[in-house]
Amino acid sequence: YTFGLRGENLTNGAVSSSSTIAMDEIEAKVEQARDIADIDSNGTLDALTDALILLRYTFGLRGDNLIDGAIASDATRSSAEDIEAYIESHIP
């Protein structure tokens, strides 16, 4: 999504065959989460900052390994501690 993929290009090969969510619902849910997904809080959802941080987080990286080279220069949320707390506050 953050690389501009939409529709089938967004979901093709990326969704489990046992998923109960319809493909068109995925894009809608991503749109709903757009503001939350601005992890570094610079007002822009970006693949090479916000999405990279989320990917690293899901792989278990924390601390400097989570944010190194992935924070936008105009970020208002930039410490590993603040970013981890922010992500954790949005996980059910």
Protein backbone atom coordinates (compact mmCIF):
# COMPACT_ATOMS: atom_id res chain seq x y z
CA TYR A 1 0.00 0.00 0.00
CA THR A 2 2.73 2.45 0.90
CA PHE A 3 4.40 1.76 -2.46
CA GLY A 4 1.18 2.78 -4.24
CA LEU A 5 -0.22 -0.71 -4.83
CA ARG A 6 -4.01 -0.97 -4.92
CA GLY A 7 -6.63 -3.59 -5.73
CA GLU A 8 -5.31 -7.01 -6.78
CA ASN A 9 -1.77 -5.64 -6.92
CA LEU A 10 -2.00 -4.92 -3.20
CA THR A 11 -3.21 -8.35 -2.13
CA ASN A 12 -2.01 -10.80 -4.79
CA GLY A 13 0.22 -13.39 -3.13
CA ALA A 14 0.13 -11.57 0.21
CA VAL A 15 -3.02 -12.96 1.81
CA SER A 16 -3.51 -16.42 3.26
CA SER A 17 -5.88 -18.66 1.36
CA SER A 18 -7.68 -19.28 4.65
CA SER A 19 -8.26 -15.56 5.28
CA THR A 20 -11.87 -14.66 6.00
CA ILE A 21 -11.53 -11.05 4.86
CA ALA A 22 -12.46 -10.15 1.29
CA MET A 23 -9.68 -8.69 -0.83
CA ASP A 24 -11.53 -5.40 -1.37
CA GLU A 25 -11.96 -5.05 2.40
CA ILE A 26 -8.20 -5.13 2.93
CA GLU A 27 -7.61 -1.88 1.07
CA ALA A 28 -10.49 -0.25 2.95
CA LYS A 29 -9.03 -1.34 6.30
CA VAL A 30 -5.61 -0.02 5.34
CA GLU A 31 -7.21 3.31 4.43
CA GLN A 32 -8.92 3.41 7.83
CA ALA A 33 -5.57 2.80 9.56
CA ARG A 34 -3.66 5.34 7.47
CA ASP A 35 -3.32 7.97 10.21
CA ILE A 36 -2.32 5.38 12.80
CA ALA A 37 0.29 3.94 10.40
CA ASP A 38 2.26 7.19 10.38
CA ILE A 39 4.58 5.64 12.95
CA ASP A 40 7.18 8.42 13.06
CA SER A 41 4.45 11.10 13.15
CA ASN A 42 5.67 13.34 10.37
CA GLY A 43 2.28 13.58 8.67
CA THR A 44 3.21 11.24 5.81
CA LEU A 45 2.69 7.51 5.40
CA ASP A 46 5.88 6.25 3.77
CA ALA A 47 7.09 2.78 2.75
CA LEU A 48 10.72 3.39 3.66
CA THR A 49 10.03 4.82 7.10
CA ASP A 50 6.68 3.87 8.64
CA ALA A 51 6.14 0.58 6.82
CA LEU A 52 9.77 -0.44 7.34
CA ILE A 53 9.48 0.23 11.07
CA LEU A 54 6.30 -1.86 11.25
CA LEU A 55 7.95 -4.67 9.33
CA ARG A 56 10.95 -4.61 11.64
CA TYR A 57 8.64 -4.60 14.65
CA THR A 58 6.76 -7.67 13.42
CA PHE A 59 10.12 -9.44 12.97
CA GLY A 60 10.90 -8.76 16.62
CA LEU A 61 13.42 -5.94 16.25
CA ARG A 62 13.46 -3.46 19.12
CA GLY A 63 15.53 -0.52 20.29
CA ASP A 64 17.96 1.02 17.81
CA ASN A 65 17.56 -1.98 15.48
CA LEU A 66 13.91 -1.01 15.08
CA ILE A 67 14.51 2.57 13.99
CA ASP A 68 18.05 2.77 12.60
CA GLY A 69 17.90 4.51 9.22
CA ALA A 70 14.10 4.40 9.15
CA ILE A 71 13.04 7.65 10.80
CA ALA A 72 12.05 10.57 8.57
CA SER A 73 14.13 13.72 9.01
CA ASP A 74 10.97 15.66 9.97
CA ALA A 75 9.63 13.04 12.38
CA THR A 76 8.14 14.18 15.65
CA ARG A 77 8.22 10.66 17.11
CA SER A 78 11.80 9.48 16.75
CA SER A 79 13.08 7.52 19.74
CA ALA A 80 12.87 3.75 19.80
CA GLU A 81 11.08 3.90 23.14
CA ASP A 82 8.41 6.30 21.86
CA ILE A 83 7.91 4.33 18.65
CA GLU A 84 7.64 0.99 20.45
CA ALA A 85 5.13 2.46 22.92
CA TYR A 86 3.11 3.96 20.06
CA ILE A 87 2.96 0.67 18.14
CA GLU A 88 2.09 -1.29 21.29
CA SER A 89 -0.70 1.17 22.11
CA HIS A 90 -2.41 0.21 18.83
CA ILE A 91 -2.09 -3.56 19.12
CA PRO A 92 -5.26 -5.20 20.40
